[in-house]
Amino acid sequence: MNPSLQTIYVDADACPVKSEIVEICEFVNLPMVFVSSYAHTLTLPPTAKVVTVDNDKEAADLFLMNNAQKGDICVTQDHALASIMLAKGVITLSPRGFIYQEDTILQMLDTRYISQKHRRMGGKTKGPKPFRQEDRQLFIKQLTKIVTEKEGT
């Protein structure tokens, strides 16, 4: 294993690609940490470390922020967490295979803020699109590419 890639961290509560992460990590022999709240029960193989945190809204995010280091990978749908991870030098991607970039994260956070403000004022906004098989395939492709580039294969 390349020491520049230590661990893959997963914001696991609502992550639809847990089994894909396990499969890829086992194939390349990378450690993985799945972080979820007590409200969610995860059934994962012994190769996956599972960290259970309080049900507090930000508990999983705090664990991830405090433990991920430069060169690690984080899988999350949370734009705010992604922005913090990017600042730490953590490669961050969504379960849909979108790789967060420093040059676009501010716009994503601004859009999120405007939508939240609109909802607080009683307005309606669209929710996320349904997760599709194409999203799953893109995620597998992107994570495999990141891991193999890091490994030098």
Protein backbone atom coordinates (compact mmCIF):
# COMPACT_ATOMS: atom_id res chain seq x y z
CA MET A 1 0.00 0.00 0.00
CA ASN A 2 1.20 3.46 -0.84
CA PRO A 3 1.72 5.38 2.45
CA SER A 4 0.41 8.59 0.83
CA LEU A 5 -3.07 7.03 0.84
CA GLN A 6 -3.85 6.01 4.38
CA THR A 7 -7.59 5.49 4.75
CA ILE A 8 -10.94 5.83 3.05
CA TYR A 9 -13.48 7.50 5.36
CA VAL A 10 -17.19 7.17 4.68
CA ASP A 11 -20.00 9.37 5.93
CA ALA A 12 -22.08 6.21 6.10
CA ASP A 13 -25.56 7.06 7.40
CA ALA A 14 -27.14 7.63 4.00
CA CYS A 15 -24.39 6.28 1.77
CA PRO A 16 -25.83 4.05 -0.99
CA VAL A 17 -22.46 2.69 -2.16
CA LYS A 18 -21.11 1.03 0.98
CA SER A 19 -20.73 -2.41 -0.59
CA GLU A 20 -18.90 -0.93 -3.58
CA ILE A 21 -16.47 0.86 -1.27
CA VAL A 22 -15.82 -2.37 0.64
CA GLU A 23 -15.19 -4.29 -2.58
CA ILE A 24 -12.76 -1.72 -3.97
CA CYS A 25 -10.91 -1.29 -0.66
CA GLU A 26 -10.57 -5.03 -0.17
CA PHE A 27 -9.27 -5.42 -3.73
CA VAL A 28 -6.49 -2.85 -3.23
CA ASN A 29 -6.01 -3.61 0.49
CA LEU A 30 -6.88 -0.14 1.80
CA PRO A 31 -8.22 0.51 5.28
CA MET A 32 -11.74 1.88 5.44
CA VAL A 33 -13.67 3.58 8.21
CA PHE A 34 -17.46 3.86 8.07
CA VAL A 35 -18.86 6.48 10.43
CA SER A 36 -22.55 6.40 11.37
CA SER A 37 -24.85 7.38 14.20
CA TYR A 38 -26.46 5.04 16.70
CA ALA A 39 -29.70 5.42 14.72
CA HIS A 40 -28.21 3.40 11.85
CA THR A 41 -27.07 -0.20 12.02
CA LEU A 42 -24.31 -1.12 9.60
CA THR A 43 -23.59 -4.68 8.58
CA LEU A 44 -20.13 -4.73 7.06
CA PRO A 45 -17.35 -7.32 6.80
CA PRO A 46 -14.59 -7.43 9.44
CA THR A 47 -12.20 -5.67 7.04
CA ALA A 48 -14.25 -2.49 7.50
CA LYS A 49 -13.87 -0.48 10.69
CA VAL A 50 -17.21 0.85 11.88
CA VAL A 51 -17.30 3.90 14.15
CA THR A 52 -20.62 4.68 15.80
CA VAL A 53 -21.21 8.22 17.04
CA ASP A 54 -24.04 10.03 18.86
CA ASN A 55 -27.24 10.87 17.03
CA ASP A 56 -26.26 14.56 17.15
CA LYS A 57 -26.58 16.08 13.68
CA GLU A 58 -22.89 16.89 13.31
CA ALA A 59 -21.29 14.03 15.30
CA ALA A 60 -20.25 12.00 12.24
CA ASP A 61 -18.91 15.12 10.52
CA LEU A 62 -16.84 16.01 13.59
CA PHE A 63 -15.34 12.54 13.74
CA LEU A 64 -14.47 12.65 10.05
CA MET A 65 -12.98 16.16 10.29
CA ASN A 66 -10.87 15.20 13.30
CA ASN A 67 -9.53 11.95 11.86
CA ALA A 68 -9.09 12.31 8.10
CA GLN A 69 -5.67 13.50 7.02
CA LYS A 70 -4.05 14.79 3.87
CA GLY A 71 -3.96 12.02 1.27
CA ASP A 72 -7.00 10.20 2.65
CA ILE A 73 -10.27 9.84 0.75
CA CYS A 74 -13.67 10.85 2.10
CA VAL A 75 -17.02 9.80 0.63
CA THR A 76 -19.82 12.18 1.61
CA GLN A 77 -22.92 13.88 0.23
CA ASP A 78 -22.45 16.83 2.59
CA HIS A 79 -21.10 19.89 0.77
CA ALA A 80 -20.01 21.63 3.98
CA LEU A 81 -18.05 18.58 5.13
CA ALA A 82 -16.57 18.26 1.63
CA SER A 83 -15.32 21.86 1.77
CA ILE A 84 -13.54 21.22 5.07
CA MET A 85 -12.03 17.99 3.77
CA LEU A 86 -10.75 19.72 0.64
CA ALA A 87 -9.05 22.35 2.80
CA LYS A 88 -7.29 19.53 4.68
CA GLY A 89 -6.02 17.96 1.45
CA VAL A 90 -8.46 15.04 1.60
CA ILE A 91 -9.70 13.73 -1.76
CA THR A 92 -13.48 14.02 -1.48
CA LEU A 93 -16.20 12.53 -3.64
CA SER A 94 -19.92 12.01 -3.47
CA PRO A 95 -21.65 8.63 -3.65
CA ARG A 96 -22.75 9.68 -7.14
CA GLY A 97 -19.13 9.84 -8.27
CA PHE A 98 -18.80 13.63 -8.25
CA ILE A 99 -15.30 14.66 -7.22
CA TYR A 100 -15.47 17.85 -5.16
CA GLN A 101 -13.01 20.53 -6.29
CA GLU A 102 -11.79 23.63 -4.50
CA ASP A 103 -12.68 25.85 -7.47
CA THR A 104 -16.37 24.85 -7.41
CA ILE A 105 -17.15 24.14 -3.74
CA LEU A 106 -17.87 27.77 -2.84
CA GLN A 107 -20.55 28.00 -5.52
CA MET A 108 -22.07 24.75 -4.23
CA LEU A 109 -22.13 26.11 -0.68
CA ASP A 110 -23.68 29.38 -1.86
CA THR A 111 -26.42 27.50 -3.70
CA ARG A 112 -27.07 25.38 -0.60
CA TYR A 113 -27.29 28.52 1.57
CA ILE A 114 -29.73 30.24 -0.80
CA SER A 115 -31.93 27.13 -0.91
CA GLN A 116 -31.95 26.86 2.89
CA LYS A 117 -32.83 30.54 3.20
CA HIS A 118 -35.64 30.11 0.68
CA ARG A 119 -37.06 27.12 2.62
CA ARG A 120 -36.91 29.03 5.94
CA MET A 121 -39.04 31.72 4.33
CA GLY A 122 -41.64 29.09 3.40
CA GLY A 123 -40.51 28.43 -0.13
CA LYS A 124 -40.19 25.04 -1.77
CA THR A 125 -37.06 23.63 -3.36
CA LYS A 126 -36.42 20.45 -5.29
CA GLY A 127 -34.91 17.55 -3.42
CA PRO A 128 -32.09 15.42 -4.74
CA LYS A 129 -32.64 13.38 -7.86
CA PRO A 130 -33.22 9.65 -7.32
CA PHE A 131 -30.03 7.60 -7.07
CA ARG A 132 -29.60 5.68 -10.33
CA GLN A 133 -27.49 2.78 -11.53
CA GLU A 134 -25.54 5.27 -13.65
CA ASP A 135 -24.60 7.14 -10.45
CA ARG A 136 -23.38 3.89 -8.89
CA GLN A 137 -21.28 3.06 -11.97
CA LEU A 138 -19.74 6.54 -12.06
CA PHE A 139 -18.86 6.25 -8.38
CA ILE A 140 -17.15 2.88 -8.93
CA LYS A 141 -15.23 4.31 -11.90
CA GLN A 142 -14.11 7.44 -10.02
CA LEU A 143 -13.10 5.68 -6.80
CA THR A 144 -11.22 2.99 -8.73
CA LYS A 145 -9.42 5.68 -10.73
CA ILE A 146 -8.45 7.62 -7.59
CA VAL A 147 -7.20 4.52 -5.79
CA THR A 148 -5.26 3.12 -8.74
CA GLU A 149 -3.64 6.49 -9.48
CA LYS A 150 -2.58 6.72 -5.84
CA GLU A 151 -1.27 3.17 -5.90
CA GLY A 152 0.64 3.80 -9.13
CA THR A 153 -0.91 0.84 -10.98
